[in-house]
C-alpha atoms as a PDB file:
ATOM      1  CA  MET A   1     209.003  96.257 115.579  1.00  0.00           C
ATOM      2  CA  SER A   2     211.016  94.568 118.297  1.00  0.00           C
ATOM      3  CA  ARG A   3     213.316  91.621 117.662  1.00  0.00           C
ATOM      4  CA  ALA A   4     211.066  89.398 119.841  1.00  0.00           C
ATOM      5  CA  GLN A   5     208.034  90.346 117.749  1.00  0.00           C
ATOM      6  CA  ARG A   6     209.865  89.601 114.494  1.00  0.00           C
ATOM      7  CA  ILE A   7     210.853  86.135 115.790  1.00  0.00           C
ATOM      8  CA  CYS A   8     207.302  85.399 116.953  1.00  0.00           C
ATOM      9  CA  ASP A   9     205.880  86.346 113.556  1.00  0.00           C
ATOM     10  CA  ARG A  10     207.768  83.408 112.064  1.00  0.00           C
ATOM     11  CA  LEU A  11     206.231  80.831 114.464  1.00  0.00           C
ATOM     12  CA  PRO A  12     202.942  78.947 113.945  1.00  0.00           C
ATOM     13  CA  ARG A  13     200.025  80.604 115.739  1.00  0.00           C
ATOM     14  CA  PHE A  14     199.190  77.487 117.730  1.00  0.00           C
ATOM     15  CA  TYR A  15     202.372  78.121 119.778  1.00  0.00           C
ATOM     16  CA  LYS A  16     200.392  81.023 121.259  1.00  0.00           C
ATOM     17  CA  HIS A  17     203.386  83.354 120.796  1.00  0.00           C
ATOM     18  CA  TRP A  18     200.935  86.221 120.613  1.00  0.00           C
ATOM     19  CA  ASP A  19     200.121  85.694 124.288  1.00  0.00           C
ATOM     20  CA  ARG A  20     202.617  87.747 126.305  1.00  0.00           C
ATOM     21  CA  GLN A  21     202.050  85.470 129.293  1.00  0.00           C
ATOM     22  CA  SER A  22     202.875  82.269 127.400  1.00  0.00           C
ATOM     23  CA  LEU A  23     206.016  80.230 127.959  1.00  0.00           C
ATOM     24  CA  VAL A  24     206.958  80.463 124.266  1.00  0.00           C
ATOM     25  CA  TYR A  25     206.842  84.255 124.276  1.00  0.00           C
ATOM     26  CA  GLY A  26     208.932  84.330 127.477  1.00  0.00           C
ATOM     27  CA  VAL A  27     211.678  82.201 125.883  1.00  0.00           C
ATOM     28  CA  VAL A  28     211.608  84.199 122.641  1.00  0.00           C
ATOM     29  CA  SER A  29     211.742  87.474 124.565  1.00  0.00           C
ATOM     30  CA  ALA A  30     214.758  86.337 126.627  1.00  0.00           C
ATOM     31  CA  VAL A  31     216.647  85.198 123.506  1.00  0.00           C
ATOM     32  CA  ALA A  32     215.784  88.431 121.679  1.00  0.00           C
ATOM     33  CA  GLN A  33     217.063  90.490 124.607  1.00  0.00           C
ATOM     34  CA  GLN A  34     220.419  88.680 124.532  1.00  0.00           C
ATOM     35  CA  LEU A  35     220.645  89.161 120.767  1.00  0.00           C
ATOM     36  CA  ASP A  36     219.926  92.884 121.169  1.00  0.00           C
ATOM     37  CA  GLN A  37     222.677  93.177 123.749  1.00  0.00           C
ATOM     38  CA  VAL A  38     225.190  91.346 121.527  1.00  0.00           C
ATOM     39  CA  GLU A  39     224.248  93.578 118.591  1.00  0.00           C
ATOM     40  CA  GLU A  40     224.846  96.718 120.684  1.00  0.00           C
ATOM     41  CA  GLU A  41     228.272  95.428 121.708  1.00  0.00           C
ATOM     42  CA  VAL A  42     229.178  94.633 118.097  1.00  0.00           C
ATOM     43  CA  ILE A  43     228.053  98.100 116.970  1.00  0.00           C
ATOM     44  CA  SER A  44     230.009  99.705 119.804  1.00  0.00           C
ATOM     45  CA  MET A  45     233.110  97.756 118.765  1.00  0.00           C
ATOM     46  CA  MET A  46     232.646  98.826 115.152  1.00  0.00           C
ATOM     47  CA  LYS A  47     232.223 102.452 116.153  1.00  0.00           C
ATOM     48  CA  ALA A  48     235.450 102.254 118.140  1.00  0.00           C
ATOM     49  CA  HIS A  49     237.197 101.404 114.857  1.00  0.00           C
ATOM     50  CA  TRP A  50     235.638 104.291 112.933  1.00  0.00           C
ATOM     51  CA  VAL A  51     237.224 107.718 113.179  1.00  0.00           C
ATOM     52  CA  ASP A  52     233.847 109.493 113.020  1.00  0.00           C
ATOM     53  CA  THR A  53     232.501 107.700 116.082  1.00  0.00           C
ATOM     54  CA  ALA A  54     235.546 106.713 118.154  1.00  0.00           C
ATOM     55  CA  GLN A  55     236.176 108.730 121.315  1.00  0.00           C
ATOM     56  CA  GLY A  56     238.942 109.282 123.845  1.00  0.00           C
ATOM     57  CA  ASP A  57     241.311 106.319 124.111  1.00  0.00           C
ATOM     58  CA  GLU A  58     239.695 104.734 121.056  1.00  0.00           C
ATOM     59  CA  LEU A  59     240.860 107.653 118.919  1.00  0.00           C
ATOM     60  CA  ASP A  60     244.311 107.502 120.505  1.00  0.00           C
ATOM     61  CA  ARG A  61     244.648 103.837 119.561  1.00  0.00           C
ATOM     62  CA  LEU A  62     243.546 104.557 115.992  1.00  0.00           C
ATOM     63  CA  GLY A  63     246.163 107.301 115.798  1.00  0.00           C
ATOM     64  CA  LEU A  64     248.914 104.876 116.735  1.00  0.00           C
ATOM     65  CA  LEU A  65     248.221 102.934 113.548  1.00  0.00           C
ATOM     66  CA  VAL A  66     249.426 105.902 111.465  1.00  0.00           C
ATOM     67  CA  ARG A  67     251.865 107.391 114.003  1.00  0.00           C
ATOM     68  CA  ALA A  68     249.584 110.291 114.804  1.00  0.00           C
ATOM     69  CA  SER A  69     249.640 110.827 118.556  1.00  0.00           C
ATOM     70  CA  ARG A  70     247.296 113.244 120.296  1.00  0.00           C
ATOM     71  CA  ILE A  71     248.896 116.654 120.757  1.00  0.00           C
ATOM     72  CA  LEU A  72     248.796 118.077 124.273  1.00  0.00           C
ATOM     73  CA  GLY A  73     245.488 119.884 124.729  1.00  0.00           C
ATOM     74  CA  GLU A  74     243.959 118.488 121.518  1.00  0.00           C
ATOM     75  CA  ASP A  75     240.290 117.516 121.886  1.00  0.00           C
ATOM     76  CA  ASP A  76     238.538 114.628 120.129  1.00  0.00           C
ATOM     77  CA  ALA A  77     237.089 116.826 117.359  1.00  0.00           C
ATOM     78  CA  ARG A  78     240.487 118.188 116.298  1.00  0.00           C
ATOM     79  CA  LEU A  79     242.176 114.800 116.607  1.00  0.00           C
ATOM     80  CA  ARG A  80     239.363 113.223 114.584  1.00  0.00           C
ATOM     81  CA  ALA A  81     239.818 115.784 111.792  1.00  0.00           C
ATOM     82  CA  ARG A  82     243.572 115.191 111.803  1.00  0.00           C
ATOM     83  CA  LEU A  83     243.218 111.412 111.671  1.00  0.00           C
ATOM     84  CA  LYS A  84     241.033 111.704 108.569  1.00  0.00           C
ATOM     85  CA  ARG A  85     244.056 113.198 106.824  1.00  0.00           C
ATOM     86  CA  ALA A  86     246.493 110.823 108.479  1.00  0.00           C
ATOM     87  CA  VAL A  87     246.574 108.234 105.721  1.00  0.00           C
ATOM     88  CA  GLY A  88     247.591 110.788 103.108  1.00  0.00           C
ATOM     89  CA  GLU A  89     250.112 112.322 105.466  1.00  0.00           C
ATOM     90  CA  TYR A  90     251.485 108.892 106.369  1.00  0.00           C
ATOM     91  CA  GLU A  91     251.965 107.985 102.707  1.00  0.00           C
ATOM     92  CA  GLY A  92     253.398 111.411 101.861  1.00  0.00           C
ATOM     93  CA  GLY A  93     255.832 111.352 104.774  1.00  0.00           C
ATOM     94  CA  GLY A  94     257.387 114.600 105.923  1.00  0.00           C
ATOM     95  CA  THR A  95     257.418 116.221 102.490  1.00  0.00           C
ATOM     96  CA  VAL A  96     256.781 119.942 102.128  1.00  0.00           C
ATOM     97  CA  PRO A  97     253.498 119.504 100.169  1.00  0.00           C
ATOM     98  CA  ALA A  98     252.166 117.031 102.769  1.00  0.00           C
ATOM     99  CA  ILE A  99     252.993 119.323 105.706  1.00  0.00           C
ATOM    100  CA  LEU A 100     251.651 122.400 103.904  1.00  0.00           C
ATOM    101  CA  GLU A 101     248.286 120.797 103.152  1.00  0.00           C
ATOM    102  CA  ALA A 102     248.049 119.301 106.636  1.00  0.00           C
ATOM    103  CA  VAL A 103     248.614 122.655 108.370  1.00  0.00           C
ATOM    104  CA  ARG A 104     246.133 124.392 106.056  1.00  0.00           C
ATOM    105  CA  ALA A 105     243.517 121.780 106.894  1.00  0.00           C
ATOM    106  CA  LEU A 106     244.333 121.919 110.611  1.00  0.00           C
ATOM    107  CA  ILE A 107     243.645 125.649 110.895  1.00  0.00           C
ATOM    108  CA  GLY A 108     240.829 125.655 108.324  1.00  0.00           C
ATOM    109  CA  ALA A 109     242.682 127.983 105.949  1.00  0.00           C
ATOM    110  CA  ARG A 110     240.414 130.032 103.693  1.00  0.00           C
ATOM    111  CA  ASP A 111     243.201 131.133 101.390  1.00  0.00           C
ATOM    112  CA  GLU A 112     246.433 129.554 100.208  1.00  0.00           C
ATOM    113  CA  ALA A 113     248.329 132.554 101.596  1.00  0.00           C
ATOM    114  CA  ASP A 114     247.099 131.734 105.121  1.00  0.00           C
ATOM    115  CA  VAL A 115     249.911 129.172 105.351  1.00  0.00           C
ATOM    116  CA  ARG A 116     253.231 129.282 103.508  1.00  0.00           C
ATOM    117  CA  ILE A 117     256.382 127.209 103.798  1.00  0.00           C
ATOM    118  CA  VAL A 118     259.837 128.659 103.166  1.00  0.00           C
ATOM    119  CA  GLU A 119     262.589 126.108 102.694  1.00  0.00           C
ATOM    120  CA  ASN A 120     266.062 127.007 103.987  1.00  0.00           C
ATOM    121  CA  PRO A 121     264.842 130.307 105.475  1.00  0.00           C
ATOM    122  CA  PRO A 122     267.383 133.129 105.771  1.00  0.00           C
ATOM    123  CA  ALA A 123     268.939 133.898 109.144  1.00  0.00           C
ATOM    124  CA  PRO A 124     271.747 136.208 110.297  1.00  0.00           C
ATOM    125  CA  GLY A 125     275.196 134.667 110.539  1.00  0.00           C
ATOM    126  CA  SER A 126     278.201 136.155 112.300  1.00  0.00           C
ATOM    127  CA  ALA A 127     281.684 135.246 113.486  1.00  0.00           C
ATOM    128  CA  GLU A 128     284.365 137.265 115.284  1.00  0.00           C
ATOM    129  CA  PHE A 129     288.100 136.639 115.616  1.00  0.00           C
ATOM    130  CA  ARG A 130     290.784 138.401 117.677  1.00  0.00           C
ATOM    131  CA  VAL A 131     294.018 138.292 115.670  1.00  0.00           C
ATOM    132  CA  ILE A 132     297.457 139.799 115.187  1.00  0.00           C
ATOM    133  CA  ALA A 133     299.559 139.984 112.028  1.00  0.00           C
ATOM    134  CA  GLY A 134     300.145 136.536 110.533  1.00  0.00           C
ATOM    135  CA  ASP A 135     297.344 134.758 112.394  1.00  0.00           C
ATOM    136  CA  THR A 136     295.174 132.212 110.558  1.00  0.00           C
ATOM    137  CA  TRP A 137     291.802 130.691 111.354  1.00  0.00           C
ATOM    138  CA  ALA A 138     289.087 128.620 109.676  1.00  0.00           C
ATOM    139  CA  PHE A 139     285.287 128.829 109.438  1.00  0.00           C
ATOM    140  CA  GLY A 140     282.394 128.312 107.008  1.00  0.00           C
ATOM    141  CA  SER A 141     279.111 129.964 106.120  1.00  0.00           C
ATOM    142  CA  ASN A 142     276.897 127.396 107.922  1.00  0.00           C
ATOM    143  CA  SER A 143     274.587 127.774 104.942  1.00  0.00           C
ATOM    144  CA  ILE A 144     273.577 125.834 101.851  1.00  0.00           C
ATOM    145  CA  LEU A 145     275.482 128.406  99.756  1.00  0.00           C
ATOM    146  CA  ASP A 146     278.678 130.429  99.864  1.00  0.00           C
ATOM    147  CA  ALA A 147     278.156 133.933 101.232  1.00  0.00           C
ATOM    148  CA  THR A 148     279.674 137.368 100.695  1.00  0.00           C
ATOM    149  CA  PRO A 149     279.896 139.017 104.134  1.00  0.00           C
ATOM    150  CA  SER A 150     280.391 142.492 105.459  1.00  0.00           C
ATOM    151  CA  MET A 151     283.466 142.963 107.657  1.00  0.00           C
ATOM    152  CA  ILE A 152     284.202 145.154 110.638  1.00  0.00           C
ATOM    153  CA  LEU A 153     287.842 145.670 111.661  1.00  0.00           C
ATOM    154  CA  THR A 154     288.405 147.234 115.067  1.00  0.00           C
ATOM    155  CA  VAL A 155     291.878 147.996 116.452  1.00  0.00           C
ATOM    156  CA  GLU A 156     292.118 147.533 120.191  1.00  0.00           C
ATOM    157  CA  GLU A 157     292.833 150.594 122.309  1.00  0.00           C
ATOM    158  CA  GLY A 158     296.455 151.795 122.340  1.00  0.00           C
ATOM    159  CA  GLY A 159     297.409 150.115 119.082  1.00  0.00           C
ATOM    160  CA  GLU A 160     297.868 151.164 115.465  1.00  0.00           C
ATOM    161  CA  VAL A 161     298.000 149.106 112.266  1.00  0.00           C
ATOM    162  CA  SER A 162     298.970 149.919 108.696  1.00  0.00           C
ATOM    163  CA  ASP A 163     297.554 148.449 105.510  1.00  0.00           C
ATOM    164  CA  PRO A 164     295.479 145.654 107.108  1.00  0.00           C
ATOM    165  CA  GLN A 165     294.559 142.820 104.769  1.00  0.00           C
ATOM    166  CA  VAL A 166     292.258 139.798 105.146  1.00  0.00           C
ATOM    167  CA  THR A 167     292.652 136.837 102.783  1.00  0.00           C
ATOM    168  CA  ASN A 168     290.717 133.645 102.133  1.00  0.00           C
ATOM    169  CA  LEU A 169     293.591 131.239 101.567  1.00  0.00           C
ATOM    170  CA  ASP A 170     291.430 128.630  99.786  1.00  0.00           C
ATOM    171  CA  THR A 171     290.024 130.983  97.117  1.00  0.00           C
ATOM    172  CA  GLY A 172     292.893 133.485  96.998  1.00  0.00           C
ATOM    173  CA  GLU A 173     290.419 136.355  97.414  1.00  0.00           C
ATOM    174  CA  SER A 174     291.469 139.205  99.678  1.00  0.00           C
ATOM    175  CA  VAL A 175     290.553 142.729 100.649  1.00  0.00           C
ATOM    176  CA  GLY A 176     292.858 145.318 102.138  1.00  0.00           C
ATOM    177  CA  PHE A 177     292.836 148.907 103.334  1.00  0.00           C
ATOM    178  CA  LYS A 178     295.549 151.364 102.324  1.00  0.00           C
ATOM    179  CA  GLY A 179     296.333 153.470 105.342  1.00  0.00           C
ATOM    180  CA  LYS A 180     296.477 153.407 109.111  1.00  0.00           C
ATOM    181  CA  LEU A 181     293.905 152.471 111.696  1.00  0.00           C
ATOM    182  CA  SER A 182     294.416 153.699 115.249  1.00  0.00           C
ATOM    183  CA  GLY A 183     293.185 152.124 118.480  1.00  0.00           C
ATOM    184  CA  GLY A 184     289.420 152.295 118.802  1.00  0.00           C
ATOM    185  CA  GLU A 185     288.906 153.058 115.115  1.00  0.00           C
ATOM    186  CA  GLN A 186     286.440 150.919 113.212  1.00  0.00           C
ATOM    187  CA  LEU A 187     286.570 150.052 109.544  1.00  0.00           C
ATOM    188  CA  VAL A 188     283.390 148.662 107.978  1.00  0.00           C
ATOM    189  CA  ILE A 189     283.807 146.964 104.609  1.00  0.00           C
ATOM    190  CA  GLY A 190     280.770 146.003 102.567  1.00  0.00           C
ATOM    191  CA  GLU A 191     280.134 145.216  98.926  1.00  0.00           C
ATOM    192  CA  GLY A 192     281.537 148.164  96.996  1.00  0.00           C
ATOM    193  CA  LYS A 193     281.798 150.426 100.045  1.00  0.00           C
ATOM    194  CA  ALA A 194     283.962 151.109 103.115  1.00  0.00           C
ATOM    195  CA  ILE A 195     283.331 153.391 106.076  1.00  0.00           C
ATOM    196  CA  ASN A 196     286.128 154.414 108.470  1.00  0.00           C
ATOM    197  CA  ASP A 197     284.704 155.934 111.637  1.00  0.00           C
ATOM    198  CA  GLY A 198     281.793 157.465 109.723  1.00  0.00           C
ATOM    199  CA  ARG A 199     283.907 158.669 106.769  1.00  0.00           C
ATOM    200  CA  ASP A 200     283.755 157.159 103.290  1.00  0.00           C
ATOM    201  CA  ALA A 201     286.952 155.208 102.664  1.00  0.00           C
ATOM    202  CA  THR A 202     285.933 153.184  99.598  1.00  0.00           C
ATOM    203  CA  ALA A 203     288.739 154.594  97.448  1.00  0.00           C
ATOM    204  CA  ARG A 204     291.329 153.109  99.828  1.00  0.00           C
ATOM    205  CA  LEU A 205     290.147 149.512  99.411  1.00  0.00           C
ATOM    206  CA  THR A 206     292.210 147.042  97.394  1.00  0.00           C
ATOM    207  CA  ALA A 207     289.104 145.097  96.284  1.00  0.00           C
ATOM    208  CA  ASP A 208     285.463 145.984  95.738  1.00  0.00           C
ATOM    209  CA  LYS A 209     284.124 143.418  98.231  1.00  0.00           C
ATOM    210  CA  PRO A 210     285.250 141.076 101.029  1.00  0.00           C
ATOM    211  CA  PRO A 211     286.262 137.485 100.208  1.00  0.00           C
ATOM    212  CA  ARG A 212     283.528 134.856 100.055  1.00  0.00           C
ATOM    213  CA  ILE A 213     282.816 132.611 103.010  1.00  0.00           C
ATOM    214  CA  LEU A 214     282.653 129.100 101.595  1.00  0.00           C
ATOM    215  CA  ARG A 215     279.880 126.695 102.502  1.00  0.00           C
ATOM    216  CA  ARG A 216     282.393 123.895 103.072  1.00  0.00           C
ATOM    217  CA  GLY A 217     284.651 126.095 105.198  1.00  0.00           C
ATOM    218  CA  SER A 218     288.058 127.588 104.396  1.00  0.00           C
ATOM    219  CA  SER A 219     291.230 128.981 105.962  1.00  0.00           C
ATOM    220  CA  TRP A 220     291.827 132.720 106.428  1.00  0.00           C
ATOM    221  CA  ARG A 221     294.816 134.938 107.241  1.00  0.00           C
ATOM    222  CA  TYR A 222     295.266 138.471 108.539  1.00  0.00           C
ATOM    223  CA  ARG A 223     298.299 140.575 107.536  1.00  0.00           C
ATOM    224  CA  GLU A 224     299.456 144.151 107.940  1.00  0.00           C
ATOM    225  CA  SER A 225     302.513 146.274 107.237  1.00  0.00           C
ATOM    226  CA  LEU A 226     304.788 146.160 110.297  1.00  0.00           C
ATOM    227  CA  ARG A 227     306.669 149.278 111.284  1.00  0.00           C
ATOM    228  CA  MET A 228     309.835 147.500 112.430  1.00  0.00           C
ATOM    229  CA  LEU A 229     311.406 144.062 112.500  1.00  0.00           C
ATOM    230  CA  VAL A 230     309.214 141.753 114.478  1.00  0.00           C
ATOM    231  CA  GLY A 231     309.833 138.079 115.247  1.00  0.00           C
ATOM    232  CA  VAL A 232     307.247 135.953 113.473  1.00  0.00           C
ATOM    233  CA  PHE A 233     306.778 132.281 114.271  1.00  0.00           C
ATOM    234  CA  ASP A 234     308.086 129.909 111.565  1.00  0.00           C
ATOM    235  CA  GLU A 235     309.869 132.672 109.638  1.00  0.00           C
ATOM    236  CA  ALA A 236     313.614 133.373 110.057  1.00  0.00           C
ATOM    237  CA  THR A 237     316.697 134.785 108.287  1.00  0.00           C
ATOM    238  CA  PHE A 238     320.201 133.337 108.719  1.00  0.00           C
ATOM    239  CA  ASP A 239     322.652 135.409 110.823  1.00  0.00           C
ATOM    240  CA  GLU A 240     320.036 137.973 111.806  1.00  0.00           C
ATOM    241  CA  HIS A 241     317.940 138.397 114.901  1.00  0.00           C
ATOM    242  CA  THR A 242     314.859 140.411 115.731  1.00  0.00           C
ATOM    243  CA  PHE A 243     313.357 141.588 118.971  1.00  0.00           C
ATOM    244  CA  ALA A 244     309.624 141.171 119.460  1.00  0.00           C
ATOM    245  CA  VAL A 245     307.738 144.394 119.977  1.00  0.00           C
ATOM    246  CA  GLY A 246     304.137 144.938 120.936  1.00  0.00           C
ATOM    247  CA  VAL A 247     301.818 144.072 118.049  1.00  0.00           C
ATOM    248  CA  PRO A 248     298.235 145.304 118.475  1.00  0.00           C
ATOM    249  CA  TYR A 249     295.298 142.969 118.359  1.00  0.00           C
ATOM    250  CA  VAL A 250     292.562 143.509 115.786  1.00  0.00           C
ATOM    251  CA  ARG A 251     289.022 142.233 116.091  1.00  0.00           C
ATOM    252  CA  ILE A 252     287.552 141.090 112.787  1.00  0.00           C
ATOM    253  CA  ARG A 253     283.814 140.527 112.670  1.00  0.00           C
ATOM    254  CA  PHE A 254     282.027 138.913 109.742  1.00  0.00           C
ATOM    255  CA  ASP A 255     278.276 139.354 109.201  1.00  0.00           C
ATOM    256  CA  TRP A 256     276.284 137.637 106.472  1.00  0.00           C
ATOM    257  CA  THR A 257     272.895 136.166 105.636  1.00  0.00           C
ATOM    258  CA  ARG A 258     272.865 132.400 105.686  1.00  0.00           C
ATOM    259  CA  LEU A 259     270.274 130.009 104.269  1.00  0.00           C
ATOM    260  CA  GLN A 260     269.713 127.521 107.071  1.00  0.00           C
ATOM    261  CA  PRO A 261     270.460 123.928 106.040  1.00  0.00           C
ATOM    262  CA  ALA A 262     267.957 121.129 106.795  1.00  0.00           C
ATOM    263  CA  THR A 263     265.416 123.736 107.939  1.00  0.00           C
ATOM    264  CA  PHE A 264     262.004 124.947 106.826  1.00  0.00           C
ATOM    265  CA  GLU A 265     259.776 127.713 108.161  1.00  0.00           C
ATOM    266  CA  VAL A 266     255.997 127.450 108.391  1.00  0.00           C
ATOM    267  CA  GLN A 267     254.495 130.939 108.153  1.00  0.00           C
ATOM    268  CA  VAL A 268     250.916 131.246 109.437  1.00  0.00           C
ATOM    269  CA  ARG A 269     248.842 134.412 109.116  1.00  0.00           C
ATOM    270  CA  SER A 270     247.865 135.775 112.503  1.00  0.00           C
ATOM    271  CA  GLU A 271     244.234 136.264 111.414  1.00  0.00           C
ATOM    272  CA  ALA A 272     243.956 132.627 110.258  1.00  0.00           C
ATOM    273  CA  LEU A 273     245.503 131.441 113.516  1.00  0.00           C
ATOM    274  CA  ARG A 274     242.988 133.467 115.551  1.00  0.00           C
ATOM    275  CA  ARG A 275     240.096 131.986 113.577  1.00  0.00           C
ATOM    276  CA  SER A 276     241.336 128.453 114.227  1.00  0.00           C
ATOM    277  CA  GLY A 277     241.479 128.934 117.989  1.00  0.00           C
ATOM    278  CA  LEU A 278     244.895 127.246 118.045  1.00  0.00           C
ATOM    279  CA  THR A 279     248.180 128.588 119.359  1.00  0.00           C
ATOM    280  CA  GLU A 280     251.588 128.910 117.739  1.00  0.00           C
ATOM    281  CA  SER A 281     252.962 126.191 120.024  1.00  0.00           C
ATOM    282  CA  HIS A 282     250.103 123.872 119.021  1.00  0.00           C
ATOM    283  CA  ILE A 283     251.034 124.293 115.339  1.00  0.00           C
ATOM    284  CA  GLY A 284     254.686 123.720 116.244  1.00  0.00           C
ATOM    285  CA  ARG A 285     253.928 120.410 117.971  1.00  0.00           C
ATOM    286  CA  PHE A 286     251.781 119.333 115.034  1.00  0.00           C
ATOM    287  CA  VAL A 287     254.535 120.078 112.514  1.00  0.00           C
ATOM    288  CA  ASP A 288     257.122 118.311 114.696  1.00  0.00           C
ATOM    289  CA  SER A 289     254.969 115.182 114.638  1.00  0.00           C
ATOM    290  CA  MET A 290     255.154 115.106 110.818  1.00  0.00           C
ATOM    291  CA  LYS A 291     258.610 116.339 109.879  1.00  0.00           C
ATOM    292  CA  ALA A 292     261.470 114.016 109.068  1.00  0.00           C
ATOM    293  CA  ALA A 293     264.060 113.224 111.722  1.00  0.00           C
ATOM    294  CA  GLY A 294     267.058 115.548 111.642  1.00  0.00           C
ATOM    295  CA  VAL A 295     265.106 118.386 110.002  1.00  0.00           C
ATOM    296  CA  ASN A 296     264.521 121.602 111.932  1.00  0.00           C
ATOM    297  CA  ALA A 297     261.066 123.191 111.698  1.00  0.00           C
ATOM    298  CA  VAL A 298     260.293 126.797 112.656  1.00  0.00           C
ATOM    299  CA  VAL A 299     256.765 128.175 113.011  1.00  0.00           C
ATOM    300  CA  THR A 300     256.258 131.950 112.735  1.00  0.00           C
ATOM    301  CA  VAL A 301     253.113 134.051 112.828  1.00  0.00           C
ATOM    302  CA  THR A 302     252.938 136.799 110.204  1.00  0.00           C
ATOM    303  CA  GLU A 303     250.599 139.720 109.681  1.00  0.00           C
ATOM    304  CA  LYS A 304     250.450 139.336 105.885  1.00  0.00           C
END
C-alpha cells in the first residue's frame, strides 16, 4: 500500500479521497511523494554510515574514524571486511595477537598455521676489520642478545704473522692461535673447532670458542708475536730506540646470527595466499597500517 493510500484511509469518506481526480487526493499524493523522497534520502544517509551498505568514498570516510585507510588496489568488499574488524584492531593497537588475527581474517585462513608471527626473527650478522698488531676497534651484536660468532682471519698477501690473538677488552675473553699464518692463508675459528686452509687446527687454539659479541657493544684488540723490535704508538722504553718495519695487515671477519630488535616477521603459507587472491605486497601494506611506529615488519611467504 502506498503512502498516499495510507494517508487517505485516515480521512473521512466525504472528502472524496477515493476519487483519484479529486483535489484532496492530489494534495495528499503530492505530500506523500515528498515524504517518500525524504525517507529515501534518510535511508541513503543511514546506509552511508553502515559498513555493510556504504560504498566507495563512504567506506573511506568510515575507515578514517578508526585509522584504517584503503590499501592501494583494495576493493569495497575487502575494505568492508577489514573495517568490521577495525574496532577490535583499533582497541588492540599494534600488538602481536591483534595483527595475527587481523591477517588471518584478511586472507581467510583455514588453519592457524596459515599465518604465523615470529618476534625478533633471526638474521645473519657480520663485521670485518682490517688491523695490524695492537689495533683496537668497537662494535656490538645489533641483536637483543649477546652472540658467539665464528671468526675468519686472513693475512694479506706477502705478510706473515705469529700467534695471532683477538680479545674482547670488556669481557676479558680471548682466542688465539699458536703458530704462523702466511699471506693468503685463512684461519676459520668456530665453537670448538678451527680450520687452517682446509686442515684441522683445533688443537692449536688457546680457547674453545671466540669471545662473545656483546649486545651493548664492546672494545676489541688484535695482538700477535712480533719477530723484531717494532715501534708501537704510546709504548716506549727509556734510552732505547726502535725502527719501524713492515707489519702485515690481517682481515678479521666476524659472522653470527642476530635476533633483530624491534622487528617481527609475518609468515604466510603460499597456498593460503593463493586462495586469498592477495599479493605479498598487499599483506605488507596491511601490516604496516597496523604496526606501531618504530617497529619493523617483514612479510615472508613460506611453503609449510
